[in-house]
Amino acid sequence: MDLDLLFNASVISSAVRIATPLLLAALGCILCEKAGITNLAIEGFMLMGSFISIAYITKSDGSVLIALLAAMLGTMIYSGLFGLVVIKFQANHVVASIAMNLLSVGLTTFLLQAMLGAQGMIRPANIQKIPNMELDFLENIPFIGSVLHNQSFIVPLAIFMAIALHFVIKKTVYGMNVVSLGESEGAARSAGISVKKVQWSVILLSGLFSGLAGAYLSSVILSEFSMNMVQGRGFTAYTAVIFGNTNAILVWLVTLLFGWAEAIGVQLELAGIGVPSSILKMFPYVLAIIVLIISSVNTKRRKERKK
């Protein structure tokens, strides 16, 4: 197989675009993991963000930019339900996450028909897309220019957010409080850290990031909403967080790997190599399973060395 088919600028550009919603969802998940909260509900948060953005576009002037902000705010408020169940009522994190994901599927399906009068999917006719970046000054830079040129501004914003989050966790008092809470809740209380405030903050931020991720997927990439359109991306983002050891920079690289896997599946399908499309679409999910196995084995070995 020609390596240029796997590593050309078009594939890498697609990988960066596909990885962006994974990275955004993963950022909120990183904060939750650092604080000792297992948040698998980012799958449902992304779906809610996808719906809110398209619902706003359909019911208003069609502005995607305002829809992104509405999705961030709406999903952050929605994530408060997860916070209430986990923090106030001390529910099991995984069970609560599953419940939130199921609620998101049912709620968006109901609202799609009751609020927007559509069944299955909706594509707003009045959508006002945000123009992609025209970075002409990058055209003379080999590879980088063709990768970043004609991308949504959300792409570099997500990368900047990952770098910023890495700094916040490592260098700020808030980041240290989050890490301290994850290591020992009792020690955090003794140090005067408001445990509930930190827990609420990371959950609400995960809702905000996931809302933007879902809105980017529905209103920027696809320009539509369909039932259960997130299709496991939230779980893939969580896998990236675990494999990246909750390090924002490493998590970004892992999401790029997943984005590349999906982009390769599309590229191979277009190339007509004779492999069924259903097999090719499994590629990123198979890779996610492999990555999770490797991560689990490495974690087990680290624990054995500490004994």
C-alpha atoms as a PDB file:
ATOM      1  CA  MET A   1       0.000   0.000   0.000  1.00  0.00           C
ATOM      2  CA  ASP A   2       1.287   3.457  -0.905  1.00  0.00           C
ATOM      3  CA  LEU A   3       2.295   5.270   2.288  1.00  0.00           C
ATOM      4  CA  ASP A   4       1.285   8.550   0.691  1.00  0.00           C
ATOM      5  CA  LEU A   5      -2.283   7.291   0.875  1.00  0.00           C
ATOM      6  CA  LEU A   6      -1.954   7.095   4.675  1.00  0.00           C
ATOM      7  CA  PHE A   7       0.112  10.165   5.486  1.00  0.00           C
ATOM      8  CA  ASN A   8      -0.689  12.815   2.886  1.00  0.00           C
ATOM      9  CA  ALA A   9      -1.717  16.328   3.907  1.00  0.00           C
ATOM     10  CA  SER A  10      -5.368  15.680   3.099  1.00  0.00           C
ATOM     11  CA  VAL A  11      -5.524  12.724   5.489  1.00  0.00           C
ATOM     12  CA  ILE A  12      -3.746  14.595   8.269  1.00  0.00           C
ATOM     13  CA  SER A  13      -6.009  17.620   7.758  1.00  0.00           C
ATOM     14  CA  SER A  14      -9.057  15.355   8.065  1.00  0.00           C
ATOM     15  CA  ALA A  15      -7.528  13.695  11.136  1.00  0.00           C
ATOM     16  CA  VAL A  16      -7.101  17.068  12.848  1.00  0.00           C
ATOM     17  CA  ARG A  17     -10.693  18.028  12.023  1.00  0.00           C
ATOM     18  CA  ILE A  18     -12.101  14.684  13.226  1.00  0.00           C
ATOM     19  CA  ALA A  19      -9.983  14.766  16.404  1.00  0.00           C
ATOM     20  CA  THR A  20     -11.239  18.200  17.462  1.00  0.00           C
ATOM     21  CA  PRO A  21     -14.557  17.125  19.074  1.00  0.00           C
ATOM     22  CA  LEU A  22     -12.747  14.223  20.762  1.00  0.00           C
ATOM     23  CA  LEU A  23     -10.172  16.615  22.199  1.00  0.00           C
ATOM     24  CA  LEU A  24     -12.764  19.111  23.416  1.00  0.00           C
ATOM     25  CA  ALA A  25     -14.772  16.413  25.209  1.00  0.00           C
ATOM     26  CA  ALA A  26     -11.571  14.929  26.624  1.00  0.00           C
ATOM     27  CA  LEU A  27     -10.539  18.248  28.217  1.00  0.00           C
ATOM     28  CA  GLY A  28     -13.505  18.238  30.585  1.00  0.00           C
ATOM     29  CA  CYS A  29     -12.989  14.551  31.229  1.00  0.00           C
ATOM     30  CA  ILE A  30      -9.367  15.226  32.231  1.00  0.00           C
ATOM     31  CA  LEU A  31     -10.494  17.633  34.950  1.00  0.00           C
ATOM     32  CA  CYS A  32     -13.027  15.129  36.261  1.00  0.00           C
ATOM     33  CA  GLU A  33     -10.464  12.307  36.336  1.00  0.00           C
ATOM     34  CA  LYS A  34      -7.962  14.551  38.126  1.00  0.00           C
ATOM     35  CA  ALA A  35     -10.630  15.312  40.727  1.00  0.00           C
ATOM     36  CA  GLY A  36     -11.490  11.639  41.215  1.00  0.00           C
ATOM     37  CA  ILE A  37     -14.770  11.681  39.276  1.00  0.00           C
ATOM     38  CA  THR A  38     -15.333   9.036  36.608  1.00  0.00           C
ATOM     39  CA  ASN A  39     -17.305  10.941  33.986  1.00  0.00           C
ATOM     40  CA  LEU A  40     -18.532   8.733  31.177  1.00  0.00           C
ATOM     41  CA  ALA A  41     -21.502  11.048  30.748  1.00  0.00           C
ATOM     42  CA  ILE A  42     -19.538  13.181  28.270  1.00  0.00           C
ATOM     43  CA  GLU A  43     -21.100  10.981  25.583  1.00  0.00           C
ATOM     44  CA  GLY A  44     -24.544  12.247  26.563  1.00  0.00           C
ATOM     45  CA  PHE A  45     -23.277  15.791  27.088  1.00  0.00           C
ATOM     46  CA  MET A  46     -21.937  15.836  23.530  1.00  0.00           C
ATOM     47  CA  LEU A  47     -25.270  14.629  22.189  1.00  0.00           C
ATOM     48  CA  MET A  48     -27.109  17.345  24.113  1.00  0.00           C
ATOM     49  CA  GLY A  49     -24.684  19.984  22.824  1.00  0.00           C
ATOM     50  CA  SER A  50     -25.264  18.740  19.274  1.00  0.00           C
ATOM     51  CA  PHE A  51     -29.022  19.087  19.695  1.00  0.00           C
ATOM     52  CA  ILE A  52     -28.982  22.482  21.405  1.00  0.00           C
ATOM     53  CA  SER A  53     -26.861  24.063  18.682  1.00  0.00           C
ATOM     54  CA  ILE A  54     -29.070  22.802  15.830  1.00  0.00           C
ATOM     55  CA  ALA A  55     -32.247  23.648  17.774  1.00  0.00           C
ATOM     56  CA  TYR A  56     -31.022  27.209  18.258  1.00  0.00           C
ATOM     57  CA  ILE A  57     -30.115  27.538  14.585  1.00  0.00           C
ATOM     58  CA  THR A  58     -33.512  26.201  13.521  1.00  0.00           C
ATOM     59  CA  LYS A  59     -35.483  28.462  15.853  1.00  0.00           C
ATOM     60  CA  SER A  60     -33.462  31.653  15.375  1.00  0.00           C
ATOM     61  CA  ASP A  61     -31.465  33.535  12.751  1.00  0.00           C
ATOM     62  CA  GLY A  62     -29.262  30.529  11.983  1.00  0.00           C
ATOM     63  CA  SER A  63     -26.050  31.917  13.490  1.00  0.00           C
ATOM     64  CA  VAL A  64     -23.617  29.067  14.157  1.00  0.00           C
ATOM     65  CA  LEU A  65     -21.438  31.233  16.405  1.00  0.00           C
ATOM     66  CA  ILE A  66     -24.319  31.993  18.786  1.00  0.00           C
ATOM     67  CA  ALA A  67     -25.400  28.351  18.540  1.00  0.00           C
ATOM     68  CA  LEU A  68     -21.973  27.254  19.785  1.00  0.00           C
ATOM     69  CA  LEU A  69     -22.290  29.550  22.796  1.00  0.00           C
ATOM     70  CA  ALA A  70     -25.855  28.366  23.453  1.00  0.00           C
ATOM     71  CA  ALA A  71     -24.716  24.736  23.335  1.00  0.00           C
ATOM     72  CA  MET A  72     -21.890  25.421  25.780  1.00  0.00           C
ATOM     73  CA  LEU A  73     -24.182  27.171  28.258  1.00  0.00           C
ATOM     74  CA  GLY A  74     -27.082  24.735  27.838  1.00  0.00           C
ATOM     75  CA  THR A  75     -24.927  21.635  28.208  1.00  0.00           C
ATOM     76  CA  MET A  76     -23.140  23.101  31.219  1.00  0.00           C
ATOM     77  CA  ILE A  77     -26.533  23.560  32.896  1.00  0.00           C
ATOM     78  CA  TYR A  78     -27.557  20.046  31.822  1.00  0.00           C
ATOM     79  CA  SER A  79     -24.360  18.600  33.331  1.00  0.00           C
ATOM     80  CA  GLY A  80     -25.545  20.010  36.655  1.00  0.00           C
ATOM     81  CA  LEU A  81     -27.979  17.072  36.823  1.00  0.00           C
ATOM     82  CA  PHE A  82     -25.014  14.691  36.761  1.00  0.00           C
ATOM     83  CA  GLY A  83     -23.356  16.798  39.440  1.00  0.00           C
ATOM     84  CA  LEU A  84     -26.479  16.685  41.589  1.00  0.00           C
ATOM     85  CA  VAL A  85     -26.671  12.889  41.400  1.00  0.00           C
ATOM     86  CA  VAL A  86     -22.946  12.298  41.944  1.00  0.00           C
ATOM     87  CA  ILE A  87     -22.129  15.024  44.496  1.00  0.00           C
ATOM     88  CA  LYS A  88     -25.383  15.569  46.372  1.00  0.00           C
ATOM     89  CA  PHE A  89     -26.717  12.001  46.391  1.00  0.00           C
ATOM     90  CA  GLN A  90     -23.339  10.210  46.225  1.00  0.00           C
ATOM     91  CA  ALA A  91     -24.422   7.901  43.385  1.00  0.00           C
ATOM     92  CA  ASN A  92     -22.008   5.534  41.697  1.00  0.00           C
ATOM     93  CA  HIS A  93     -20.229   7.510  38.984  1.00  0.00           C
ATOM     94  CA  VAL A  94     -20.426   4.862  36.271  1.00  0.00           C
ATOM     95  CA  VAL A  95     -24.088   4.076  36.898  1.00  0.00           C
ATOM     96  CA  ALA A  96     -24.931   7.789  36.940  1.00  0.00           C
ATOM     97  CA  SER A  97     -23.003   8.255  33.672  1.00  0.00           C
ATOM     98  CA  ILE A  98     -24.918   5.452  31.968  1.00  0.00           C
ATOM     99  CA  ALA A  99     -28.197   6.952  33.181  1.00  0.00           C
ATOM    100  CA  MET A 100     -27.242  10.392  31.829  1.00  0.00           C
ATOM    101  CA  ASN A 101     -26.295   8.928  28.454  1.00  0.00           C
ATOM    102  CA  LEU A 102     -29.601   7.080  28.163  1.00  0.00           C
ATOM    103  CA  LEU A 103     -31.485  10.190  29.262  1.00  0.00           C
ATOM    104  CA  SER A 104     -29.705  12.252  26.613  1.00  0.00           C
ATOM    105  CA  VAL A 105     -30.709   9.836  23.849  1.00  0.00           C
ATOM    106  CA  GLY A 106     -34.321   9.748  24.955  1.00  0.00           C
ATOM    107  CA  LEU A 107     -34.596  13.473  25.635  1.00  0.00           C
ATOM    108  CA  THR A 108     -33.068  14.615  22.350  1.00  0.00           C
ATOM    109  CA  THR A 109     -35.215  12.127  20.413  1.00  0.00           C
ATOM    110  CA  PHE A 110     -38.357  13.450  22.118  1.00  0.00           C
ATOM    111  CA  LEU A 111     -37.404  17.125  21.706  1.00  0.00           C
ATOM    112  CA  LEU A 112     -36.477  16.598  18.065  1.00  0.00           C
ATOM    113  CA  GLN A 113     -40.098  15.754  17.322  1.00  0.00           C
ATOM    114  CA  ALA A 114     -41.879  17.835  19.964  1.00  0.00           C
ATOM    115  CA  MET A 115     -39.826  21.004  19.574  1.00  0.00           C
ATOM    116  CA  LEU A 116     -38.576  20.895  15.987  1.00  0.00           C
ATOM    117  CA  GLY A 117     -41.267  18.752  14.362  1.00  0.00           C
ATOM    118  CA  ALA A 118     -38.767  16.322  12.826  1.00  0.00           C
ATOM    119  CA  GLN A 119     -38.241  12.588  13.059  1.00  0.00           C
ATOM    120  CA  GLY A 120     -34.838  10.949  12.912  1.00  0.00           C
ATOM    121  CA  MET A 121     -32.849  13.970  11.768  1.00  0.00           C
ATOM    122  CA  ILE A 122     -33.052  17.625  10.851  1.00  0.00           C
ATOM    123  CA  ARG A 123     -30.930  19.809   8.580  1.00  0.00           C
ATOM    124  CA  PRO A 124     -31.621  23.546   9.105  1.00  0.00           C
ATOM    125  CA  ALA A 125     -32.073  25.475   5.862  1.00  0.00           C
ATOM    126  CA  ASN A 126     -31.221  28.802   7.494  1.00  0.00           C
ATOM    127  CA  ILE A 127     -27.808  27.831   8.886  1.00  0.00           C
ATOM    128  CA  GLN A 128     -25.204  30.607   8.682  1.00  0.00           C
ATOM    129  CA  LYS A 129     -21.874  28.802   8.607  1.00  0.00           C
ATOM    130  CA  ILE A 130     -18.743  30.392  10.036  1.00  0.00           C
ATOM    131  CA  PRO A 131     -16.191  30.750   7.206  1.00  0.00           C
ATOM    132  CA  ASN A 132     -13.133  28.557   7.576  1.00  0.00           C
ATOM    133  CA  MET A 133      -9.799  30.211   8.219  1.00  0.00           C
ATOM    134  CA  GLU A 134      -7.972  31.397   5.104  1.00  0.00           C
ATOM    135  CA  LEU A 135      -4.389  31.314   6.339  1.00  0.00           C
ATOM    136  CA  ASP A 136      -2.642  32.390   3.166  1.00  0.00           C
ATOM    137  CA  PHE A 137       0.608  33.102   5.007  1.00  0.00           C
ATOM    138  CA  LEU A 138       0.921  29.358   5.743  1.00  0.00           C
ATOM    139  CA  GLU A 139       0.735  28.286   2.116  1.00  0.00           C
ATOM    140  CA  ASN A 140       4.524  28.401   1.713  1.00  0.00           C
ATOM    141  CA  ILE A 141       5.122  26.219   4.766  1.00  0.00           C
ATOM    142  CA  PRO A 142       5.343  22.580   3.630  1.00  0.00           C
ATOM    143  CA  PHE A 143       2.677  20.260   5.006  1.00  0.00           C
ATOM    144  CA  ILE A 144       1.619  22.550   7.917  1.00  0.00           C
ATOM    145  CA  GLY A 145       0.057  25.049   5.535  1.00  0.00           C
ATOM    146  CA  SER A 146      -2.085  22.472   3.779  1.00  0.00           C
ATOM    147  CA  VAL A 147      -3.097  20.898   7.115  1.00  0.00           C
ATOM    148  CA  LEU A 148      -4.227  24.069   8.909  1.00  0.00           C
ATOM    149  CA  HIS A 149      -5.472  26.001   5.894  1.00  0.00           C
ATOM    150  CA  ASN A 150      -9.259  26.087   5.434  1.00  0.00           C
ATOM    151  CA  GLN A 151     -10.031  24.720   8.915  1.00  0.00           C
ATOM    152  CA  SER A 152     -12.628  26.020  11.368  1.00  0.00           C
ATOM    153  CA  PHE A 153     -11.333  28.380  14.041  1.00  0.00           C
ATOM    154  CA  ILE A 154     -12.464  25.747  16.583  1.00  0.00           C
ATOM    155  CA  VAL A 155      -9.528  23.542  15.538  1.00  0.00           C
ATOM    156  CA  PRO A 156      -6.701  25.826  16.749  1.00  0.00           C
ATOM    157  CA  LEU A 157      -8.915  26.931  19.665  1.00  0.00           C
ATOM    158  CA  ALA A 158      -9.157  23.330  20.894  1.00  0.00           C
ATOM    159  CA  ILE A 159      -5.377  22.911  20.650  1.00  0.00           C
ATOM    160  CA  PHE A 160      -4.861  26.159  22.555  1.00  0.00           C
ATOM    161  CA  MET A 161      -7.324  24.987  25.212  1.00  0.00           C
ATOM    162  CA  ALA A 162      -5.368  21.735  25.642  1.00  0.00           C
ATOM    163  CA  ILE A 163      -2.125  23.645  26.154  1.00  0.00           C
ATOM    164  CA  ALA A 164      -3.857  26.086  28.516  1.00  0.00           C
ATOM    165  CA  LEU A 165      -5.404  23.260  30.536  1.00  0.00           C
ATOM    166  CA  HIS A 166      -2.008  21.586  30.877  1.00  0.00           C
ATOM    167  CA  PHE A 167      -0.657  24.854  32.304  1.00  0.00           C
ATOM    168  CA  VAL A 168      -3.661  25.330  34.622  1.00  0.00           C
ATOM    169  CA  ILE A 169      -3.291  21.856  36.112  1.00  0.00           C
ATOM    170  CA  LYS A 170       0.474  22.126  36.559  1.00  0.00           C
ATOM    171  CA  LYS A 171       0.937  25.757  37.576  1.00  0.00           C
ATOM    172  CA  THR A 172      -2.204  27.193  39.187  1.00  0.00           C
ATOM    173  CA  VAL A 173      -3.751  26.906  42.643  1.00  0.00           C
ATOM    174  CA  TYR A 174      -7.004  25.673  41.122  1.00  0.00           C
ATOM    175  CA  GLY A 175      -5.186  22.900  39.251  1.00  0.00           C
ATOM    176  CA  MET A 176      -3.350  21.847  42.382  1.00  0.00           C
ATOM    177  CA  ASN A 177      -6.642  21.750  44.292  1.00  0.00           C
ATOM    178  CA  VAL A 178      -8.166  19.510  41.622  1.00  0.00           C
ATOM    179  CA  VAL A 179      -5.188  17.126  41.704  1.00  0.00           C
ATOM    180  CA  SER A 180      -5.124  17.096  45.509  1.00  0.00           C
ATOM    181  CA  LEU A 181      -8.791  16.186  45.640  1.00  0.00           C
ATOM    182  CA  GLY A 182      -8.255  13.306  43.231  1.00  0.00           C
ATOM    183  CA  GLU A 183      -5.370  11.941  45.268  1.00  0.00           C
ATOM    184  CA  SER A 184      -7.062  12.145  48.662  1.00  0.00           C
ATOM    185  CA  GLU A 185     -10.378  13.744  49.517  1.00  0.00           C
ATOM    186  CA  GLY A 186      -9.569  13.633  53.230  1.00  0.00           C
ATOM    187  CA  ALA A 187      -6.223  15.368  52.752  1.00  0.00           C
ATOM    188  CA  ALA A 188      -7.878  17.975  50.532  1.00  0.00           C
ATOM    189  CA  ARG A 189     -10.410  18.766  53.257  1.00  0.00           C
ATOM    190  CA  SER A 190      -7.631  19.034  55.833  1.00  0.00           C
ATOM    191  CA  ALA A 191      -5.842  21.512  53.566  1.00  0.00           C
ATOM    192  CA  GLY A 192      -8.931  23.729  53.540  1.00  0.00           C
ATOM    193  CA  ILE A 193     -10.016  22.895  49.993  1.00  0.00           C
ATOM    194  CA  SER A 194     -13.754  23.146  49.364  1.00  0.00           C
ATOM    195  CA  VAL A 195     -14.324  19.651  48.007  1.00  0.00           C
ATOM    196  CA  LYS A 196     -17.833  20.205  46.684  1.00  0.00           C
ATOM    197  CA  LYS A 197     -16.916  23.463  44.954  1.00  0.00           C
ATOM    198  CA  VAL A 198     -14.071  21.774  43.100  1.00  0.00           C
ATOM    199  CA  GLN A 199     -16.258  18.797  42.191  1.00  0.00           C
ATOM    200  CA  TRP A 200     -19.027  21.060  40.887  1.00  0.00           C
ATOM    201  CA  SER A 201     -16.542  23.128  38.903  1.00  0.00           C
ATOM    202  CA  VAL A 202     -14.989  20.165  37.060  1.00  0.00           C
ATOM    203  CA  ILE A 203     -18.379  18.655  36.204  1.00  0.00           C
ATOM    204  CA  LEU A 204     -19.773  21.956  34.924  1.00  0.00           C
ATOM    205  CA  LEU A 205     -16.598  22.558  32.900  1.00  0.00           C
ATOM    206  CA  SER A 206     -16.901  19.064  31.418  1.00  0.00           C
ATOM    207  CA  GLY A 207     -20.410  20.016  30.330  1.00  0.00           C
ATOM    208  CA  LEU A 208     -19.151  23.231  28.779  1.00  0.00           C
ATOM    209  CA  PHE A 209     -16.342  21.524  26.836  1.00  0.00           C
ATOM    210  CA  SER A 210     -18.576  18.624  25.767  1.00  0.00           C
ATOM    211  CA  GLY A 211     -21.280  21.047  24.664  1.00  0.00           C
ATOM    212  CA  LEU A 212     -18.807  22.799  22.400  1.00  0.00           C
ATOM    213  CA  ALA A 213     -17.617  19.413  21.102  1.00  0.00           C
ATOM    214  CA  GLY A 214     -21.139  18.334  20.233  1.00  0.00           C
ATOM    215  CA  ALA A 215     -22.027  21.672  18.685  1.00  0.00           C
ATOM    216  CA  TYR A 216     -18.876  21.590  16.556  1.00  0.00           C
ATOM    217  CA  LEU A 217     -19.845  18.120  15.345  1.00  0.00           C
ATOM    218  CA  SER A 218     -23.437  19.003  14.427  1.00  0.00           C
ATOM    219  CA  SER A 219     -23.301  22.634  13.311  1.00  0.00           C
ATOM    220  CA  VAL A 220     -19.757  22.985  11.929  1.00  0.00           C
ATOM    221  CA  ILE A 221     -18.860  19.570  10.485  1.00  0.00           C
ATOM    222  CA  LEU A 222     -22.230  18.033   9.561  1.00  0.00           C
ATOM    223  CA  SER A 223     -24.730  20.940   9.573  1.00  0.00           C
ATOM    224  CA  GLU A 224     -27.425  18.596  10.894  1.00  0.00           C
ATOM    225  CA  PHE A 225     -28.659  16.698  13.915  1.00  0.00           C
ATOM    226  CA  SER A 226     -29.655  13.044  13.906  1.00  0.00           C
ATOM    227  CA  MET A 227     -30.584  10.657  16.687  1.00  0.00           C
ATOM    228  CA  ASN A 228     -27.594   9.341  18.628  1.00  0.00           C
ATOM    229  CA  MET A 229     -25.248  11.077  16.182  1.00  0.00           C
ATOM    230  CA  VAL A 230     -22.318  11.153  18.619  1.00  0.00           C
ATOM    231  CA  GLN A 231     -21.901   7.387  18.065  1.00  0.00           C
ATOM    232  CA  GLY A 232     -19.439   6.601  20.843  1.00  0.00           C
ATOM    233  CA  ARG A 233     -17.174   9.620  20.433  1.00  0.00           C
ATOM    234  CA  GLY A 234     -17.556  10.419  24.122  1.00  0.00           C
ATOM    235  CA  PHE A 235     -16.313   6.965  25.069  1.00  0.00           C
ATOM    236  CA  THR A 236     -13.457   7.331  22.592  1.00  0.00           C
ATOM    237  CA  ALA A 237     -12.544  10.642  24.235  1.00  0.00           C
ATOM    238  CA  TYR A 238     -12.539   8.922  27.637  1.00  0.00           C
ATOM    239  CA  THR A 239     -10.254   6.227  26.223  1.00  0.00           C
ATOM    240  CA  ALA A 240      -7.883   8.955  25.032  1.00  0.00           C
ATOM    241  CA  VAL A 241      -7.847  10.447  28.546  1.00  0.00           C
ATOM    242  CA  ILE A 242      -6.940   7.124  30.128  1.00  0.00           C
ATOM    243  CA  PHE A 243      -4.266   6.288  27.551  1.00  0.00           C
ATOM    244  CA  GLY A 244      -2.866   9.822  27.741  1.00  0.00           C
ATOM    245  CA  ASN A 245      -2.622   9.462  31.525  1.00  0.00           C
ATOM    246  CA  THR A 246      -4.769  12.616  31.963  1.00  0.00           C
ATOM    247  CA  ASN A 247      -1.956  14.726  30.491  1.00  0.00           C
ATOM    248  CA  ALA A 248      -3.667  17.259  28.195  1.00  0.00           C
ATOM    249  CA  ILE A 249      -0.829  17.311  25.651  1.00  0.00           C
ATOM    250  CA  LEU A 250      -0.603  13.527  25.444  1.00  0.00           C
ATOM    251  CA  VAL A 251      -4.391  13.261  25.257  1.00  0.00           C
ATOM    252  CA  TRP A 252      -4.344  15.640  22.286  1.00  0.00           C
ATOM    253  CA  LEU A 253      -1.858  13.362  20.508  1.00  0.00           C
ATOM    254  CA  VAL A 254      -4.012  10.302  21.243  1.00  0.00           C
ATOM    255  CA  THR A 255      -7.108  12.025  19.832  1.00  0.00           C
ATOM    256  CA  LEU A 256      -5.063  12.792  16.720  1.00  0.00           C
ATOM    257  CA  LEU A 257      -4.300   9.077  16.465  1.00  0.00           C
ATOM    258  CA  PHE A 258      -8.010   8.264  16.627  1.00  0.00           C
ATOM    259  CA  GLY A 259      -8.761  11.016  14.112  1.00  0.00           C
ATOM    260  CA  TRP A 260      -6.118   9.606  11.777  1.00  0.00           C
ATOM    261  CA  ALA A 261      -7.629   6.111  12.115  1.00  0.00           C
ATOM    262  CA  GLU A 262     -11.058   7.385  11.060  1.00  0.00           C
ATOM    263  CA  ALA A 263      -9.605   9.493   8.250  1.00  0.00           C
ATOM    264  CA  ILE A 264      -7.710   6.461   6.938  1.00  0.00           C
ATOM    265  CA  GLY A 265     -10.927   4.432   6.929  1.00  0.00           C
ATOM    266  CA  VAL A 266     -12.582   7.080   4.772  1.00  0.00           C
ATOM    267  CA  GLN A 267      -9.522   7.332   2.501  1.00  0.00           C
ATOM    268  CA  LEU A 268      -9.337   3.576   1.970  1.00  0.00           C
ATOM    269  CA  GLU A 269     -13.063   3.426   1.247  1.00  0.00           C
ATOM    270  CA  LEU A 270     -12.706   6.137  -1.395  1.00  0.00           C
ATOM    271  CA  ALA A 271      -9.701   4.366  -2.874  1.00  0.00           C
ATOM    272  CA  GLY A 272     -11.852   1.286  -3.509  1.00  0.00           C
ATOM    273  CA  ILE A 273      -9.416  -1.317  -2.197  1.00  0.00           C
ATOM    274  CA  GLY A 274     -12.119  -3.980  -2.014  1.00  0.00           C
ATOM    275  CA  VAL A 275     -12.547  -4.054   1.774  1.00  0.00           C
ATOM    276  CA  PRO A 276     -16.199  -3.718   2.913  1.00  0.00           C
ATOM    277  CA  SER A 277     -17.003  -0.234   4.238  1.00  0.00           C
ATOM    278  CA  SER A 278     -18.411  -1.751   7.450  1.00  0.00           C
ATOM    279  CA  ILE A 279     -14.965  -3.219   8.197  1.00  0.00           C
ATOM    280  CA  LEU A 280     -13.225   0.084   7.504  1.00  0.00           C
ATOM    281  CA  LYS A 281     -15.612   1.970   9.802  1.00  0.00           C
ATOM    282  CA  MET A 282     -14.616  -0.386  12.618  1.00  0.00           C
ATOM    283  CA  PHE A 283     -10.977   0.710  12.344  1.00  0.00           C
ATOM    284  CA  PRO A 284     -11.028   3.630  14.844  1.00  0.00           C
ATOM    285  CA  TYR A 285     -13.030   1.620  17.401  1.00  0.00           C
ATOM    286  CA  VAL A 286     -10.717  -1.385  17.120  1.00  0.00           C
ATOM    287  CA  LEU A 287      -7.809   0.995  17.624  1.00  0.00           C
ATOM    288  CA  ALA A 288      -9.555   2.448  20.701  1.00  0.00           C
ATOM    289  CA  ILE A 289      -9.869  -1.059  22.189  1.00  0.00           C
ATOM    290  CA  ILE A 290      -6.184  -1.776  21.488  1.00  0.00           C
ATOM    291  CA  VAL A 291      -5.186   1.525  23.068  1.00  0.00           C
ATOM    292  CA  LEU A 292      -7.307   0.787  26.159  1.00  0.00           C
ATOM    293  CA  ILE A 293      -5.741  -2.684  26.524  1.00  0.00           C
ATOM    294  CA  ILE A 294      -2.223  -1.240  26.275  1.00  0.00           C
ATOM    295  CA  SER A 295      -3.108   1.426  28.833  1.00  0.00           C
ATOM    296  CA  SER A 296      -4.517  -1.169  31.245  1.00  0.00           C
ATOM    297  CA  VAL A 297      -1.424  -3.371  30.916  1.00  0.00           C
ATOM    298  CA  ASN A 298       0.891  -0.399  31.542  1.00  0.00           C
ATOM    299  CA  THR A 299      -1.130   0.673  34.596  1.00  0.00           C
ATOM    300  CA  LYS A 300      -0.979  -2.853  36.005  1.00  0.00           C
ATOM    301  CA  ARG A 301       2.790  -2.998  35.522  1.00  0.00           C
ATOM    302  CA  ARG A 302       3.271   0.357  37.270  1.00  0.00           C
ATOM    303  CA  LYS A 303       1.234  -0.857  40.246  1.00  0.00           C
ATOM    304  CA  GLU A 304       3.265  -4.091  40.436  1.00  0.00           C
ATOM    305  CA  ARG A 305       6.551  -2.145  40.422  1.00  0.00           C
ATOM    306  CA  LYS A 306       5.337  -0.014  43.343  1.00  0.00           C
ATOM    307  CA  LYS A 307       4.680  -3.094  45.496  1.00  0.00           C
END
